[in-house]
Amino acid sequence: MAKDNKSNIGLRNVSNLLPKKVELKTTEIDVKTTDKVVQKIHSTQGKQTRLSVDVPEELYQPIKIRQLTKGYKTTREYILDLINRDLEEGNK
């Protein structure tokens, strides 16, 4: 049985259906300058170690509420402050 070429969709036939290639607009953001700024920010914080903690679902909302009511912008900031205060207290 011969194949019907009209119903056979191959790569050549599909490529005609794709939109024409469009050149992307370049933004005014200088990538090298941005990278330097990001590196400078990270270098002032010292060496970092990633710590991942899974929190029970029922604790997540109270943590976020406490974080915001205490004036912390991020959960990271709040947790680090808790850890620092606990460590200082333990050294007394």
PDB file of N, CA and C in Angstrom:
ATOM      1  N   MET A   1       0.827  -1.163   0.000  1.00  0.00           N
ATOM      2  CA  MET A   1       0.000   0.000   0.000  1.00  0.00           C
ATOM      3  C   MET A   1       0.879   1.237   0.000  1.00  0.00           C
ATOM      4  N   ALA A   2       0.651   2.118  -0.928  1.00  0.00           N
ATOM      5  CA  ALA A   2       1.437   3.342  -1.071  1.00  0.00           C
ATOM      6  C   ALA A   2       1.010   4.367  -0.035  1.00  0.00           C
ATOM      7  N   LYS A   3       1.988   5.131   0.448  1.00  0.00           N
ATOM      8  CA  LYS A   3       1.687   6.170   1.415  1.00  0.00           C
ATOM      9  C   LYS A   3       1.157   7.397   0.689  1.00  0.00           C
ATOM     10  N   ASP A   4       0.187   8.048   1.298  1.00  0.00           N
ATOM     11  CA  ASP A   4      -0.383   9.268   0.743  1.00  0.00           C
ATOM     12  C   ASP A   4       0.488  10.434   1.219  1.00  0.00           C
ATOM     13  N   ASN A   5       1.215  11.076   0.280  1.00  0.00           N
ATOM     14  CA  ASN A   5       2.130  12.164   0.635  1.00  0.00           C
ATOM     15  C   ASN A   5       1.416  13.362   1.251  1.00  0.00           C
ATOM     16  N   LYS A   6       0.141  13.587   0.926  1.00  0.00           N
ATOM     17  CA  LYS A   6      -0.578  14.734   1.460  1.00  0.00           C
ATOM     18  C   LYS A   6      -0.857  14.583   2.950  1.00  0.00           C
ATOM     19  N   SER A   7      -1.052  13.370   3.409  1.00  0.00           N
ATOM     20  CA  SER A   7      -1.345  13.167   4.820  1.00  0.00           C
ATOM     21  C   SER A   7      -0.086  12.906   5.638  1.00  0.00           C
ATOM     22  N   ASN A   8       1.041  12.736   4.965  1.00  0.00           N
ATOM     23  CA  ASN A   8       2.302  12.480   5.650  1.00  0.00           C
ATOM     24  C   ASN A   8       2.928  13.809   6.069  1.00  0.00           C
ATOM     25  N   ILE A   9       2.982  14.035   7.378  1.00  0.00           N
ATOM     26  CA  ILE A   9       3.573  15.275   7.866  1.00  0.00           C
ATOM     27  C   ILE A   9       4.981  14.961   8.324  1.00  0.00           C
ATOM     28  N   GLY A  10       5.940  15.472   7.606  1.00  0.00           N
ATOM     29  CA  GLY A  10       7.336  15.279   7.958  1.00  0.00           C
ATOM     30  C   GLY A  10       7.926  16.583   8.468  1.00  0.00           C
ATOM     31  N   LEU A  11       9.179  16.531   8.800  1.00  0.00           N
ATOM     32  CA  LEU A  11       9.859  17.703   9.342  1.00  0.00           C
ATOM     33  C   LEU A  11       9.856  18.853   8.336  1.00  0.00           C
ATOM     34  N   ARG A  12      10.045  18.564   7.077  1.00  0.00           N
ATOM     35  CA  ARG A  12      10.041  19.623   6.058  1.00  0.00           C
ATOM     36  C   ARG A  12       8.686  20.317   5.980  1.00  0.00           C
ATOM     37  N   ASN A  13       7.619  19.544   6.059  1.00  0.00           N
ATOM     38  CA  ASN A  13       6.278  20.129   5.987  1.00  0.00           C
ATOM     39  C   ASN A  13       5.952  20.945   7.240  1.00  0.00           C
ATOM     40  N   VAL A  14       6.403  20.470   8.384  1.00  0.00           N
ATOM     41  CA  VAL A  14       6.118  21.166   9.637  1.00  0.00           C
ATOM     42  C   VAL A  14       6.899  22.464   9.721  1.00  0.00           C
ATOM     43  N   SER A  15       8.134  22.474   9.231  1.00  0.00           N
ATOM     44  CA  SER A  15       8.953  23.687   9.327  1.00  0.00           C
ATOM     45  C   SER A  15       8.328  24.856   8.585  1.00  0.00           C
ATOM     46  N   ASN A  16       7.516  24.595   7.594  1.00  0.00           N
ATOM     47  CA  ASN A  16       6.835  25.674   6.875  1.00  0.00           C
ATOM     48  C   ASN A  16       5.711  26.284   7.713  1.00  0.00           C
ATOM     49  N   LEU A  17       5.231  25.546   8.701  1.00  0.00           N
ATOM     50  CA  LEU A  17       4.151  26.032   9.541  1.00  0.00           C
ATOM     51  C   LEU A  17       4.646  26.910  10.690  1.00  0.00           C
ATOM     52  N   LEU A  18       5.935  26.821  11.008  1.00  0.00           N
ATOM     53  CA  LEU A  18       6.493  27.591  12.113  1.00  0.00           C
ATOM     54  C   LEU A  18       6.603  29.071  11.741  1.00  0.00           C
ATOM     55  N   PRO A  19       6.491  29.963  12.723  1.00  0.00           N
ATOM     56  CA  PRO A  19       6.649  31.389  12.428  1.00  0.00           C
ATOM     57  C   PRO A  19       8.082  31.693  12.005  1.00  0.00           C
ATOM     58  N   LYS A  20       8.250  32.758  11.278  1.00  0.00           N
ATOM     59  CA  LYS A  20       9.572  33.150  10.809  1.00  0.00           C
ATOM     60  C   LYS A  20      10.433  33.570  11.992  1.00  0.00           C
ATOM     61  N   LYS A  21      11.741  33.406  11.840  1.00  0.00           N
ATOM     62  CA  LYS A  21      12.691  33.758  12.876  1.00  0.00           C
ATOM     63  C   LYS A  21      12.670  35.269  13.101  1.00  0.00           C
ATOM     64  N   VAL A  22      12.589  35.660  14.361  1.00  0.00           N
ATOM     65  CA  VAL A  22      12.540  37.082  14.706  1.00  0.00           C
ATOM     66  C   VAL A  22      13.750  37.405  15.568  1.00  0.00           C
ATOM     67  N   GLU A  23      14.441  38.491  15.235  1.00  0.00           N
ATOM     68  CA  GLU A  23      15.575  38.909  16.041  1.00  0.00           C
ATOM     69  C   GLU A  23      15.077  39.473  17.362  1.00  0.00           C
ATOM     70  N   LEU A  24      15.679  39.056  18.461  1.00  0.00           N
ATOM     71  CA  LEU A  24      15.309  39.553  19.768  1.00  0.00           C
ATOM     72  C   LEU A  24      15.884  40.950  19.970  1.00  0.00           C
ATOM     73  N   LYS A  25      15.106  41.790  20.625  1.00  0.00           N
ATOM     74  CA  LYS A  25      15.586  43.128  20.940  1.00  0.00           C
ATOM     75  C   LYS A  25      16.576  43.022  22.087  1.00  0.00           C
ATOM     76  N   THR A  26      17.665  43.751  21.992  1.00  0.00           N
ATOM     77  CA  THR A  26      18.612  43.787  23.096  1.00  0.00           C
ATOM     78  C   THR A  26      18.153  44.847  24.082  1.00  0.00           C
ATOM     79  N   THR A  27      18.297  44.537  25.336  1.00  0.00           N
ATOM     80  CA  THR A  27      17.884  45.491  26.352  1.00  0.00           C
ATOM     81  C   THR A  27      19.035  46.425  26.673  1.00  0.00           C
ATOM     82  N   GLU A  28      18.726  47.442  27.420  1.00  0.00           N
ATOM     83  CA  GLU A  28      19.752  48.399  27.793  1.00  0.00           C
ATOM     84  C   GLU A  28      20.530  47.952  29.027  1.00  0.00           C
ATOM     85  N   ILE A  29      20.187  46.779  29.544  1.00  0.00           N
ATOM     86  CA  ILE A  29      20.879  46.266  30.721  1.00  0.00           C
ATOM     87  C   ILE A  29      22.221  45.692  30.283  1.00  0.00           C
ATOM     88  N   ASP A  30      23.268  46.146  30.923  1.00  0.00           N
ATOM     89  CA  ASP A  30      24.607  45.647  30.628  1.00  0.00           C
ATOM     90  C   ASP A  30      24.860  44.422  31.501  1.00  0.00           C
ATOM     91  N   VAL A  31      24.946  43.268  30.887  1.00  0.00           N
ATOM     92  CA  VAL A  31      25.064  42.001  31.612  1.00  0.00           C
ATOM     93  C   VAL A  31      26.354  41.962  32.431  1.00  0.00           C
ATOM     94  N   LYS A  32      27.449  42.440  31.869  1.00  0.00           N
ATOM     95  CA  LYS A  32      28.725  42.407  32.598  1.00  0.00           C
ATOM     96  C   LYS A  32      28.660  43.276  33.851  1.00  0.00           C
ATOM     97  N   THR A  33      28.067  44.455  33.740  1.00  0.00           N
ATOM     98  CA  THR A  33      27.941  45.343  34.890  1.00  0.00           C
ATOM     99  C   THR A  33      27.043  44.715  35.940  1.00  0.00           C
ATOM    100  N   THR A  34      25.952  44.114  35.511  1.00  0.00           N
ATOM    101  CA  THR A  34      25.033  43.459  36.439  1.00  0.00           C
ATOM    102  C   THR A  34      25.736  42.322  37.166  1.00  0.00           C
ATOM    103  N   ASP A  35      26.502  41.515  36.450  1.00  0.00           N
ATOM    104  CA  ASP A  35      27.247  40.418  37.077  1.00  0.00           C
ATOM    105  C   ASP A  35      28.226  40.940  38.125  1.00  0.00           C
ATOM    106  N   LYS A  36      28.901  42.050  37.813  1.00  0.00           N
ATOM    107  CA  LYS A  36      29.852  42.627  38.765  1.00  0.00           C
ATOM    108  C   LYS A  36      29.147  43.075  40.037  1.00  0.00           C
ATOM    109  N   VAL A  37      27.983  43.702  39.900  1.00  0.00           N
ATOM    110  CA  VAL A  37      27.227  44.166  41.058  1.00  0.00           C
ATOM    111  C   VAL A  37      26.789  42.983  41.911  1.00  0.00           C
ATOM    112  N   VAL A  38      26.280  41.934  41.277  1.00  0.00           N
ATOM    113  CA  VAL A  38      25.832  40.741  42.005  1.00  0.00           C
ATOM    114  C   VAL A  38      27.011  40.095  42.730  1.00  0.00           C
ATOM    115  N   GLN A  39      28.160  39.983  42.061  1.00  0.00           N
ATOM    116  CA  GLN A  39      29.346  39.398  42.682  1.00  0.00           C
ATOM    117  C   GLN A  39      29.798  40.225  43.883  1.00  0.00           C
ATOM    118  N   LYS A  40      29.720  41.549  43.761  1.00  0.00           N
ATOM    119  CA  LYS A  40      30.119  42.435  44.859  1.00  0.00           C
ATOM    120  C   LYS A  40      29.215  42.234  46.070  1.00  0.00           C
ATOM    121  N   ILE A  41      27.923  42.120  45.839  1.00  0.00           N
ATOM    122  CA  ILE A  41      26.971  41.891  46.928  1.00  0.00           C
ATOM    123  C   ILE A  41      27.280  40.578  47.631  1.00  0.00           C
ATOM    124  N   HIS A  42      27.502  39.518  46.861  1.00  0.00           N
ATOM    125  CA  HIS A  42      27.756  38.206  47.450  1.00  0.00           C
ATOM    126  C   HIS A  42      29.110  38.160  48.151  1.00  0.00           C
ATOM    127  N   SER A  43      30.100  38.881  47.643  1.00  0.00           N
ATOM    128  CA  SER A  43      31.421  38.843  48.260  1.00  0.00           C
ATOM    129  C   SER A  43      31.436  39.558  49.607  1.00  0.00           C
ATOM    130  N   THR A  44      30.544  40.534  49.828  1.00  0.00           N
ATOM    131  CA  THR A  44      30.507  41.238  51.107  1.00  0.00           C
ATOM    132  C   THR A  44      29.830  40.398  52.186  1.00  0.00           C
ATOM    133  N   GLN A  45      29.082  39.399  51.799  1.00  0.00           N
ATOM    134  CA  GLN A  45      28.396  38.542  52.763  1.00  0.00           C
ATOM    135  C   GLN A  45      29.293  37.427  53.278  1.00  0.00           C
ATOM    136  N   GLY A  46      30.449  37.267  52.707  1.00  0.00           N
ATOM    137  CA  GLY A  46      31.327  36.170  53.102  1.00  0.00           C
ATOM    138  C   GLY A  46      30.874  34.868  52.457  1.00  0.00           C
ATOM    139  N   LYS A  47      31.601  33.826  52.767  1.00  0.00           N
ATOM    140  CA  LYS A  47      31.282  32.526  52.192  1.00  0.00           C
ATOM    141  C   LYS A  47      29.966  32.025  52.766  1.00  0.00           C
ATOM    142  N   GLN A  48      29.113  31.497  51.929  1.00  0.00           N
ATOM    143  CA  GLN A  48      27.784  31.035  52.321  1.00  0.00           C
ATOM    144  C   GLN A  48      27.697  29.509  52.195  1.00  0.00           C
ATOM    145  N   THR A  49      26.886  28.896  53.057  1.00  0.00           N
ATOM    146  CA  THR A  49      26.571  27.477  52.968  1.00  0.00           C
ATOM    147  C   THR A  49      25.059  27.350  52.908  1.00  0.00           C
ATOM    148  N   ARG A  50      24.556  26.617  51.937  1.00  0.00           N
ATOM    149  CA  ARG A  50      23.121  26.451  51.781  1.00  0.00           C
ATOM    150  C   ARG A  50      22.602  25.463  52.824  1.00  0.00           C
ATOM    151  N   LEU A  51      21.492  25.864  53.445  1.00  0.00           N
ATOM    152  CA  LEU A  51      20.834  25.023  54.435  1.00  0.00           C
ATOM    153  C   LEU A  51      19.371  24.930  54.032  1.00  0.00           C
ATOM    154  N   SER A  52      18.888  23.723  53.874  1.00  0.00           N
ATOM    155  CA  SER A  52      17.507  23.517  53.467  1.00  0.00           C
ATOM    156  C   SER A  52      16.748  22.862  54.608  1.00  0.00           C
ATOM    157  N   VAL A  53      15.606  23.462  54.963  1.00  0.00           N
ATOM    158  CA  VAL A  53      14.817  22.938  56.075  1.00  0.00           C
ATOM    159  C   VAL A  53      13.375  22.770  55.628  1.00  0.00           C
ATOM    160  N   ASP A  54      12.826  21.588  55.830  1.00  0.00           N
ATOM    161  CA  ASP A  54      11.417  21.353  55.553  1.00  0.00           C
ATOM    162  C   ASP A  54      10.630  21.694  56.811  1.00  0.00           C
ATOM    163  N   VAL A  55       9.605  22.522  56.646  1.00  0.00           N
ATOM    164  CA  VAL A  55       8.804  22.992  57.772  1.00  0.00           C
ATOM    165  C   VAL A  55       7.415  22.367  57.668  1.00  0.00           C
ATOM    166  N   PRO A  56       6.870  21.875  58.782  1.00  0.00           N
ATOM    167  CA  PRO A  56       5.509  21.344  58.738  1.00  0.00           C
ATOM    168  C   PRO A  56       4.541  22.426  58.245  1.00  0.00           C
ATOM    169  N   GLU A  57       3.593  22.018  57.455  1.00  0.00           N
ATOM    170  CA  GLU A  57       2.648  22.942  56.830  1.00  0.00           C
ATOM    171  C   GLU A  57       1.944  23.836  57.855  1.00  0.00           C
ATOM    172  N   GLU A  58       1.600  23.266  59.013  1.00  0.00           N
ATOM    173  CA  GLU A  58       0.871  24.054  60.019  1.00  0.00           C
ATOM    174  C   GLU A  58       1.749  25.124  60.674  1.00  0.00           C
ATOM    175  N   LEU A  59       3.074  25.030  60.536  1.00  0.00           N
ATOM    176  CA  LEU A  59       3.968  26.052  61.086  1.00  0.00           C
ATOM    177  C   LEU A  59       4.284  27.170  60.095  1.00  0.00           C
ATOM    178  N   TYR A  60       4.103  26.897  58.820  1.00  0.00           N
ATOM    179  CA  TYR A  60       4.510  27.856  57.790  1.00  0.00           C
ATOM    180  C   TYR A  60       3.797  29.202  57.945  1.00  0.00           C
ATOM    181  N   GLN A  61       2.496  29.194  58.044  1.00  0.00           N
ATOM    182  CA  GLN A  61       1.752  30.454  58.146  1.00  0.00           C
ATOM    183  C   GLN A  61       2.099  31.233  59.417  1.00  0.00           C
ATOM    184  N   PRO A  62       2.143  30.599  60.600  1.00  0.00           N
ATOM    185  CA  PRO A  62       2.556  31.355  61.790  1.00  0.00           C
ATOM    186  C   PRO A  62       3.964  31.948  61.679  1.00  0.00           C
ATOM    187  N   ILE A  63       4.878  31.222  61.027  1.00  0.00           N
ATOM    188  CA  ILE A  63       6.239  31.741  60.822  1.00  0.00           C
ATOM    189  C   ILE A  63       6.188  33.003  59.965  1.00  0.00           C
ATOM    190  N   LYS A  64       5.437  32.937  58.864  1.00  0.00           N
ATOM    191  CA  LYS A  64       5.334  34.093  57.970  1.00  0.00           C
ATOM    192  C   LYS A  64       4.685  35.286  58.676  1.00  0.00           C
ATOM    193  N   ILE A  65       3.656  35.035  59.463  1.00  0.00           N
ATOM    194  CA  ILE A  65       2.974  36.114  60.185  1.00  0.00           C
ATOM    195  C   ILE A  65       3.939  36.764  61.178  1.00  0.00           C
ATOM    196  N   ARG A  66       4.658  35.925  61.949  1.00  0.00           N
ATOM    197  CA  ARG A  66       5.609  36.450  62.932  1.00  0.00           C
ATOM    198  C   ARG A  66       6.711  37.237  62.231  1.00  0.00           C
ATOM    199  N   GLN A  67       7.205  36.713  61.123  1.00  0.00           N
ATOM    200  CA  GLN A  67       8.259  37.379  60.362  1.00  0.00           C
ATOM    201  C   GLN A  67       7.814  38.789  59.974  1.00  0.00           C
ATOM    202  N   LEU A  68       6.612  38.897  59.432  1.00  0.00           N
ATOM    203  CA  LEU A  68       6.113  40.194  58.965  1.00  0.00           C
ATOM    204  C   LEU A  68       5.796  41.139  60.122  1.00  0.00           C
ATOM    205  N   THR A  69       5.216  40.619  61.205  1.00  0.00           N
ATOM    206  CA  THR A  69       4.872  41.490  62.330  1.00  0.00           C
ATOM    207  C   THR A  69       6.112  41.982  63.067  1.00  0.00           C
ATOM    208  N   LYS A  70       7.196  41.225  63.006  1.00  0.00           N
ATOM    209  CA  LYS A  70       8.449  41.643  63.636  1.00  0.00           C
ATOM    210  C   LYS A  70       9.259  42.581  62.726  1.00  0.00           C
ATOM    211  N   GLY A  71       8.792  42.782  61.484  1.00  0.00           N
ATOM    212  CA  GLY A  71       9.456  43.721  60.583  1.00  0.00           C
ATOM    213  C   GLY A  71      10.553  43.134  59.719  1.00  0.00           C
ATOM    214  N   TYR A  72      10.633  41.824  59.625  1.00  0.00           N
ATOM    215  CA  TYR A  72      11.628  41.195  58.759  1.00  0.00           C
ATOM    216  C   TYR A  72      11.090  41.147  57.338  1.00  0.00           C
ATOM    217  N   LYS A  73      11.938  41.501  56.373  1.00  0.00           N
ATOM    218  CA  LYS A  73      11.504  41.481  54.973  1.00  0.00           C
ATOM    219  C   LYS A  73      11.451  40.070  54.412  1.00  0.00           C
ATOM    220  N   THR A  74      12.356  39.217  54.877  1.00  0.00           N
ATOM    221  CA  THR A  74      12.410  37.855  54.352  1.00  0.00           C
ATOM    222  C   THR A  74      12.401  36.836  55.486  1.00  0.00           C
ATOM    223  N   THR A  75      11.988  35.637  55.155  1.00  0.00           N
ATOM    224  CA  THR A  75      12.028  34.549  56.128  1.00  0.00           C
ATOM    225  C   THR A  75      13.470  34.227  56.470  1.00  0.00           C
ATOM    226  N   ARG A  76      14.341  34.318  55.507  1.00  0.00           N
ATOM    227  CA  ARG A  76      15.769  34.076  55.727  1.00  0.00           C
ATOM    228  C   ARG A  76      16.303  35.010  56.805  1.00  0.00           C
ATOM    229  N   GLU A  77      15.986  36.277  56.680  1.00  0.00           N
ATOM    230  CA  GLU A  77      16.422  37.282  57.648  1.00  0.00           C
ATOM    231  C   GLU A  77      15.903  36.943  59.055  1.00  0.00           C
ATOM    232  N   TYR A  78      14.655  36.565  59.131  1.00  0.00           N
ATOM    233  CA  TYR A  78      14.021  36.213  60.407  1.00  0.00           C
ATOM    234  C   TYR A  78      14.686  34.992  61.043  1.00  0.00           C
ATOM    235  N   ILE A  79      14.869  33.945  60.258  1.00  0.00           N
ATOM    236  CA  ILE A  79      15.458  32.700  60.762  1.00  0.00           C
ATOM    237  C   ILE A  79      16.907  32.936  61.201  1.00  0.00           C
ATOM    238  N   LEU A  80      17.672  33.681  60.405  1.00  0.00           N
ATOM    239  CA  LEU A  80      19.059  33.955  60.784  1.00  0.00           C
ATOM    240  C   LEU A  80      19.138  34.733  62.096  1.00  0.00           C
ATOM    241  N   ASP A  81      18.216  35.680  62.284  1.00  0.00           N
ATOM    242  CA  ASP A  81      18.196  36.436  63.537  1.00  0.00           C
ATOM    243  C   ASP A  81      17.870  35.516  64.719  1.00  0.00           C
ATOM    244  N   LEU A  82      16.903  34.622  64.541  1.00  0.00           N
ATOM    245  CA  LEU A  82      16.577  33.658  65.598  1.00  0.00           C
ATOM    246  C   LEU A  82      17.792  32.802  65.959  1.00  0.00           C
ATOM    247  N   ILE A  83      18.492  32.332  64.951  1.00  0.00           N
ATOM    248  CA  ILE A  83      19.664  31.480  65.178  1.00  0.00           C
ATOM    249  C   ILE A  83      20.755  32.267  65.894  1.00  0.00           C
ATOM    250  N   ASN A  84      21.029  33.495  65.422  1.00  0.00           N
ATOM    251  CA  ASN A  84      22.064  34.317  66.044  1.00  0.00           C
ATOM    252  C   ASN A  84      21.747  34.595  67.506  1.00  0.00           C
ATOM    253  N   ARG A  85      20.490  34.942  67.816  1.00  0.00           N
ATOM    254  CA  ARG A  85      20.110  35.225  69.205  1.00  0.00           C
ATOM    255  C   ARG A  85      20.242  33.965  70.070  1.00  0.00           C
ATOM    256  N   ASP A  86      19.858  32.819  69.528  1.00  0.00           N
ATOM    257  CA  ASP A  86      19.967  31.569  70.276  1.00  0.00           C
ATOM    258  C   ASP A  86      21.438  31.232  70.543  1.00  0.00           C
ATOM    259  N   LEU A  87      22.295  31.420  69.563  1.00  0.00           N
ATOM    260  CA  LEU A  87      23.714  31.128  69.736  1.00  0.00           C
ATOM    261  C   LEU A  87      24.364  32.078  70.741  1.00  0.00           C
ATOM    262  N   GLU A  88      23.987  33.350  70.708  1.00  0.00           N
ATOM    263  CA  GLU A  88      24.513  34.318  71.661  1.00  0.00           C
ATOM    264  C   GLU A  88      24.064  33.965  73.077  1.00  0.00           C
ATOM    265  N   GLU A  89      22.817  33.566  73.221  1.00  0.00           N
ATOM    266  CA  GLU A  89      22.265  33.181  74.508  1.00  0.00           C
ATOM    267  C   GLU A  89      22.982  31.934  75.053  1.00  0.00           C
ATOM    268  N   GLY A  90      23.301  31.027  74.169  1.00  0.00           N
ATOM    269  CA  GLY A  90      23.986  29.789  74.568  1.00  0.00           C
ATOM    270  C   GLY A  90      25.415  30.036  75.001  1.00  0.00           C
ATOM    271  N   ASN A  91      26.038  31.136  74.545  1.00  0.00           N
ATOM    272  CA  ASN A  91      27.413  31.453  74.915  1.00  0.00           C
ATOM    273  C   ASN A  91      27.515  32.225  76.217  1.00  0.00           C
ATOM    274  N   LYS A  92      26.398  32.588  76.820  1.00  0.00           N
ATOM    275  CA  LYS A  92      26.427  33.357  78.081  1.00  0.00           C
ATOM    276  C   LYS A  92      26.682  32.470  79.257  1.00  0.00           C
TER     277      LYS A  92
END
